[in-house]
Amino acid sequence: MDALEQAGIITLADKAYQGAEGPVRTPNKGKNKPASQKQANQAHAKLRGPGERANAQLKSWKILRKLRCSPSKAGHLCKAISVLQNHRARAGRVRMKSIQ
């Protein structure tokens, strides 16, 4: 967390991290929140959503479960998987458009 703070990187987290120190931003807890807090939570969720989906997609790739290499190589592998995943998603959309 200290390294993130020194680099000026803000981390968006879920409600479980409420009270964490440093650059961690969490949504507002509780019921009957004012409209401003509800809007802030919606904006927070929109920003976190793509990262959550990316993590979920990476978890579906079996190769990452048994990975035994250096973290730098794992990063390159994750980038490659992301490209393949996006290619597969685009191909599916193109196929659907041609069917219609």
N, C-alpha and C. Protein backbone atom coordinates (compact mmCIF):
# COMPACT_ATOMS: atom_id res chain seq x y z
N MET A 1 0.81 -1.19 0.00
CA MET A 1 0.00 0.00 0.00
C MET A 1 0.86 1.26 0.00
N ASP A 2 1.98 1.17 0.68
CA ASP A 2 2.86 2.34 0.73
C ASP A 2 3.38 2.70 -0.65
N ALA A 3 3.72 1.65 -1.44
CA ALA A 3 4.25 1.90 -2.78
C ALA A 3 3.18 2.55 -3.67
N LEU A 4 1.93 2.12 -3.51
CA LEU A 4 0.84 2.73 -4.28
C LEU A 4 0.67 4.19 -3.90
N GLU A 5 0.75 4.45 -2.61
CA GLU A 5 0.58 5.81 -2.13
C GLU A 5 1.72 6.71 -2.62
N GLN A 6 2.93 6.20 -2.59
CA GLN A 6 4.08 6.98 -3.05
C GLN A 6 3.99 7.26 -4.54
N ALA A 7 3.44 6.30 -5.30
CA ALA A 7 3.30 6.48 -6.74
C ALA A 7 2.08 7.33 -7.10
N GLY A 8 1.25 7.64 -6.11
CA GLY A 8 0.06 8.45 -6.35
C GLY A 8 -1.06 7.67 -7.01
N ILE A 9 -1.07 6.36 -6.83
CA ILE A 9 -2.09 5.50 -7.43
C ILE A 9 -3.22 5.27 -6.43
N ILE A 10 -4.43 5.55 -6.85
CA ILE A 10 -5.60 5.32 -6.01
C ILE A 10 -6.15 3.93 -6.32
N THR A 11 -6.47 3.17 -5.29
CA THR A 11 -6.97 1.82 -5.44
C THR A 11 -8.45 1.79 -5.09
N LEU A 12 -9.26 1.27 -5.99
CA LEU A 12 -10.69 1.12 -5.73
C LEU A 12 -10.93 -0.28 -5.18
N ALA A 13 -11.59 -0.36 -4.03
CA ALA A 13 -11.82 -1.64 -3.37
C ALA A 13 -13.30 -1.78 -3.05
N ASP A 14 -13.68 -3.00 -2.64
CA ASP A 14 -15.07 -3.21 -2.25
C ASP A 14 -15.25 -2.88 -0.77
N LYS A 15 -16.47 -3.07 -0.27
CA LYS A 15 -16.80 -2.66 1.10
C LYS A 15 -16.01 -3.43 2.17
N ALA A 16 -15.47 -4.59 1.81
CA ALA A 16 -14.70 -5.37 2.77
C ALA A 16 -13.44 -4.64 3.22
N TYR A 17 -12.96 -3.71 2.42
CA TYR A 17 -11.75 -2.97 2.74
C TYR A 17 -12.03 -1.65 3.45
N GLN A 18 -13.26 -1.47 3.91
CA GLN A 18 -13.64 -0.25 4.62
C GLN A 18 -12.69 -0.05 5.80
N GLY A 19 -12.15 1.15 5.92
CA GLY A 19 -11.24 1.46 7.01
C GLY A 19 -9.78 1.24 6.67
N ALA A 20 -9.50 0.71 5.47
CA ALA A 20 -8.10 0.53 5.07
C ALA A 20 -7.45 1.90 4.90
N GLU A 21 -6.20 1.97 5.26
CA GLU A 21 -5.49 3.24 5.17
C GLU A 21 -4.82 3.39 3.82
N GLY A 22 -4.38 4.57 3.53
CA GLY A 22 -3.65 4.82 2.29
C GLY A 22 -4.57 5.20 1.14
N PRO A 23 -4.17 4.83 -0.06
CA PRO A 23 -4.89 5.27 -1.25
C PRO A 23 -6.10 4.40 -1.60
N VAL A 24 -6.66 3.68 -0.63
CA VAL A 24 -7.79 2.78 -0.89
C VAL A 24 -9.10 3.54 -0.79
N ARG A 25 -9.91 3.44 -1.82
CA ARG A 25 -11.23 4.09 -1.83
C ARG A 25 -12.29 3.00 -1.87
N THR A 26 -13.23 3.08 -0.95
CA THR A 26 -14.31 2.08 -0.87
C THR A 26 -15.65 2.79 -1.00
N PRO A 27 -16.70 2.03 -1.39
CA PRO A 27 -18.02 2.64 -1.47
C PRO A 27 -18.57 2.93 -0.07
N ASN A 28 -19.57 3.77 -0.03
CA ASN A 28 -20.21 4.12 1.24
C ASN A 28 -21.08 2.97 1.72
N LYS A 29 -20.99 2.67 3.00
CA LYS A 29 -21.78 1.59 3.59
C LYS A 29 -23.10 2.13 4.13
N GLY A 30 -23.99 1.18 4.42
CA GLY A 30 -25.21 1.53 5.12
C GLY A 30 -26.43 1.63 4.22
N LYS A 31 -27.57 1.62 4.88
CA LYS A 31 -28.85 1.76 4.19
C LYS A 31 -29.30 3.21 4.28
N ASN A 32 -30.27 3.57 3.46
CA ASN A 32 -30.85 4.92 3.45
C ASN A 32 -29.78 6.00 3.28
N LYS A 33 -28.92 5.78 2.31
CA LYS A 33 -27.87 6.77 2.02
C LYS A 33 -28.48 7.94 1.25
N PRO A 34 -27.92 9.13 1.40
CA PRO A 34 -28.39 10.26 0.61
C PRO A 34 -28.04 10.04 -0.88
N ALA A 35 -28.71 10.77 -1.73
CA ALA A 35 -28.53 10.61 -3.18
C ALA A 35 -27.07 10.79 -3.60
N SER A 36 -26.37 11.72 -2.96
CA SER A 36 -24.97 11.97 -3.33
C SER A 36 -24.10 10.74 -3.08
N GLN A 37 -24.35 10.03 -1.97
CA GLN A 37 -23.57 8.82 -1.68
C GLN A 37 -23.95 7.69 -2.63
N LYS A 38 -25.22 7.61 -3.00
CA LYS A 38 -25.65 6.59 -3.96
C LYS A 38 -24.98 6.82 -5.31
N GLN A 39 -24.92 8.08 -5.73
CA GLN A 39 -24.25 8.41 -7.00
C GLN A 39 -22.77 8.09 -6.93
N ALA A 40 -22.15 8.38 -5.81
CA ALA A 40 -20.73 8.08 -5.64
C ALA A 40 -20.49 6.57 -5.71
N ASN A 41 -21.38 5.79 -5.10
CA ASN A 41 -21.25 4.33 -5.14
C ASN A 41 -21.43 3.81 -6.57
N GLN A 42 -22.36 4.40 -7.31
CA GLN A 42 -22.57 3.98 -8.70
C GLN A 42 -21.33 4.27 -9.55
N ALA A 43 -20.74 5.44 -9.36
CA ALA A 43 -19.53 5.80 -10.10
C ALA A 43 -18.38 4.87 -9.72
N HIS A 44 -18.28 4.55 -8.44
CA HIS A 44 -17.25 3.64 -7.95
C HIS A 44 -17.42 2.26 -8.61
N ALA A 45 -18.64 1.76 -8.68
CA ALA A 45 -18.90 0.45 -9.28
C ALA A 45 -18.58 0.45 -10.78
N LYS A 46 -18.90 1.54 -11.47
CA LYS A 46 -18.60 1.63 -12.90
C LYS A 46 -17.11 1.58 -13.15
N LEU A 47 -16.33 2.19 -12.28
CA LEU A 47 -14.89 2.18 -12.45
C LEU A 47 -14.27 0.83 -12.09
N ARG A 48 -14.83 0.17 -11.10
CA ARG A 48 -14.30 -1.13 -10.68
C ARG A 48 -14.73 -2.26 -11.59
N GLY A 49 -15.87 -2.12 -12.25
CA GLY A 49 -16.45 -3.19 -13.05
C GLY A 49 -15.51 -3.83 -14.07
N PRO A 50 -14.87 -3.04 -14.93
CA PRO A 50 -13.98 -3.66 -15.92
C PRO A 50 -12.86 -4.49 -15.30
N GLY A 51 -12.29 -4.01 -14.22
CA GLY A 51 -11.23 -4.77 -13.55
C GLY A 51 -11.74 -6.07 -12.96
N GLU A 52 -12.93 -6.03 -12.39
CA GLU A 52 -13.53 -7.23 -11.83
C GLU A 52 -13.81 -8.26 -12.92
N ARG A 53 -14.34 -7.80 -14.06
CA ARG A 53 -14.60 -8.71 -15.19
C ARG A 53 -13.30 -9.30 -15.72
N ALA A 54 -12.27 -8.48 -15.83
CA ALA A 54 -10.97 -8.97 -16.32
C ALA A 54 -10.42 -10.05 -15.39
N ASN A 55 -10.50 -9.83 -14.09
CA ASN A 55 -10.03 -10.84 -13.14
C ASN A 55 -10.83 -12.12 -13.26
N ALA A 56 -12.14 -12.00 -13.42
CA ALA A 56 -12.98 -13.19 -13.56
C ALA A 56 -12.61 -13.96 -14.83
N GLN A 57 -12.35 -13.24 -15.92
CA GLN A 57 -11.97 -13.92 -17.16
C GLN A 57 -10.63 -14.61 -17.02
N LEU A 58 -9.67 -13.96 -16.39
CA LEU A 58 -8.36 -14.58 -16.21
C LEU A 58 -8.45 -15.85 -15.35
N LYS A 59 -9.36 -15.86 -14.39
CA LYS A 59 -9.51 -17.04 -13.54
C LYS A 59 -10.04 -18.24 -14.32
N SER A 60 -10.71 -17.99 -15.44
CA SER A 60 -11.27 -19.09 -16.22
C SER A 60 -10.22 -19.78 -17.08
N TRP A 61 -9.03 -19.21 -17.22
CA TRP A 61 -7.96 -19.81 -18.01
C TRP A 61 -7.17 -20.77 -17.14
N LYS A 62 -7.24 -22.07 -17.45
CA LYS A 62 -6.61 -23.10 -16.62
C LYS A 62 -5.10 -22.94 -16.52
N ILE A 63 -4.48 -22.41 -17.56
CA ILE A 63 -3.02 -22.28 -17.55
C ILE A 63 -2.53 -21.43 -16.39
N LEU A 64 -3.33 -20.48 -15.96
CA LEU A 64 -2.91 -19.60 -14.87
C LEU A 64 -3.00 -20.29 -13.50
N ARG A 65 -3.80 -21.32 -13.41
CA ARG A 65 -3.94 -22.02 -12.12
C ARG A 65 -2.69 -22.82 -11.77
N LYS A 66 -1.99 -23.28 -12.79
CA LYS A 66 -0.81 -24.12 -12.56
C LYS A 66 0.48 -23.42 -12.99
N LEU A 67 0.46 -22.14 -13.00
CA LEU A 67 1.59 -21.35 -13.47
C LEU A 67 2.78 -21.46 -12.52
N ARG A 68 3.93 -21.81 -13.06
CA ARG A 68 5.14 -21.93 -12.25
C ARG A 68 6.28 -21.17 -12.95
N CYS A 69 6.15 -19.86 -12.99
CA CYS A 69 7.20 -19.04 -13.61
C CYS A 69 7.31 -17.72 -12.85
N SER A 70 8.24 -16.90 -13.30
CA SER A 70 8.46 -15.63 -12.61
C SER A 70 7.26 -14.70 -12.80
N PRO A 71 7.04 -13.80 -11.86
CA PRO A 71 5.91 -12.86 -11.97
C PRO A 71 5.96 -12.01 -13.24
N SER A 72 7.16 -11.67 -13.71
CA SER A 72 7.22 -10.84 -14.93
C SER A 72 6.71 -11.62 -16.14
N LYS A 73 7.01 -12.91 -16.19
CA LYS A 73 6.48 -13.73 -17.28
C LYS A 73 4.98 -13.91 -17.14
N ALA A 74 4.50 -14.00 -15.91
CA ALA A 74 3.06 -14.14 -15.68
C ALA A 74 2.33 -12.91 -16.19
N GLY A 75 2.92 -11.74 -16.02
CA GLY A 75 2.31 -10.51 -16.53
C GLY A 75 2.18 -10.53 -18.04
N HIS A 76 3.23 -10.99 -18.72
CA HIS A 76 3.18 -11.08 -20.19
C HIS A 76 2.11 -12.09 -20.62
N LEU A 77 2.02 -13.20 -19.88
CA LEU A 77 1.02 -14.21 -20.19
C LEU A 77 -0.39 -13.66 -20.00
N CYS A 78 -0.60 -12.90 -18.95
CA CYS A 78 -1.92 -12.30 -18.71
C CYS A 78 -2.29 -11.32 -19.82
N LYS A 79 -1.32 -10.56 -20.30
CA LYS A 79 -1.59 -9.63 -21.41
C LYS A 79 -1.98 -10.41 -22.66
N ALA A 80 -1.27 -11.50 -22.93
CA ALA A 80 -1.59 -12.31 -24.11
C ALA A 80 -2.98 -12.93 -23.98
N ILE A 81 -3.31 -13.40 -22.80
CA ILE A 81 -4.64 -13.97 -22.57
C ILE A 81 -5.72 -12.92 -22.78
N SER A 82 -5.45 -11.72 -22.30
CA SER A 82 -6.41 -10.63 -22.47
C SER A 82 -6.67 -10.35 -23.96
N VAL A 83 -5.59 -10.34 -24.75
CA VAL A 83 -5.74 -10.13 -26.20
C VAL A 83 -6.58 -11.24 -26.81
N LEU A 84 -6.28 -12.49 -26.44
CA LEU A 84 -7.06 -13.61 -26.96
C LEU A 84 -8.52 -13.54 -26.55
N GLN A 85 -8.75 -13.17 -25.30
CA GLN A 85 -10.13 -13.05 -24.80
C GLN A 85 -10.89 -11.97 -25.56
N ASN A 86 -10.25 -10.82 -25.78
CA ASN A 86 -10.89 -9.74 -26.53
C ASN A 86 -11.15 -10.15 -27.97
N HIS A 87 -10.20 -10.87 -28.57
CA HIS A 87 -10.37 -11.35 -29.94
C HIS A 87 -11.57 -12.29 -30.03
N ARG A 88 -11.67 -13.19 -29.05
CA ARG A 88 -12.80 -14.13 -29.03
C ARG A 88 -14.12 -13.38 -28.87
N ALA A 89 -14.14 -12.38 -28.00
CA ALA A 89 -15.37 -11.61 -27.77
C ALA A 89 -15.78 -10.86 -29.04
N ARG A 90 -14.80 -10.24 -29.72
CA ARG A 90 -15.11 -9.51 -30.96
C ARG A 90 -15.60 -10.46 -32.05
N ALA A 91 -14.97 -11.62 -32.15
CA ALA A 91 -15.38 -12.59 -33.17
C ALA A 91 -16.81 -13.03 -32.94
N GLY A 92 -17.19 -13.20 -31.68
CA GLY A 92 -18.56 -13.58 -31.37
C GLY A 92 -19.54 -12.49 -31.75
N ARG A 93 -19.17 -11.23 -31.54
CA ARG A 93 -20.06 -10.12 -31.90
C ARG A 93 -20.19 -10.01 -33.41
N VAL A 94 -19.10 -10.22 -34.13
CA VAL A 94 -19.13 -10.15 -35.59
C VAL A 94 -20.01 -11.26 -36.13
N ARG A 95 -19.88 -12.47 -35.58
CA ARG A 95 -20.72 -13.60 -36.01
C ARG A 95 -22.19 -13.30 -35.76
N MET A 96 -22.50 -12.72 -34.62
CA MET A 96 -23.89 -12.41 -34.29
C MET A 96 -24.45 -11.37 -35.26
N LYS A 97 -23.66 -10.37 -35.64
CA LYS A 97 -24.13 -9.35 -36.57
C LYS A 97 -24.38 -9.94 -37.94
N SER A 98 -23.54 -10.90 -38.37
CA SER A 98 -23.72 -11.48 -39.70
C SER A 98 -24.94 -12.38 -39.74
N ILE A 99 -25.33 -12.95 -38.61
CA ILE A 99 -26.52 -13.80 -38.55
C ILE A 99 -27.78 -12.94 -38.67
N GLN A 100 -27.75 -11.76 -38.08
CA GLN A 100 -28.94 -10.91 -38.07
C GLN A 100 -29.14 -10.37 -39.41
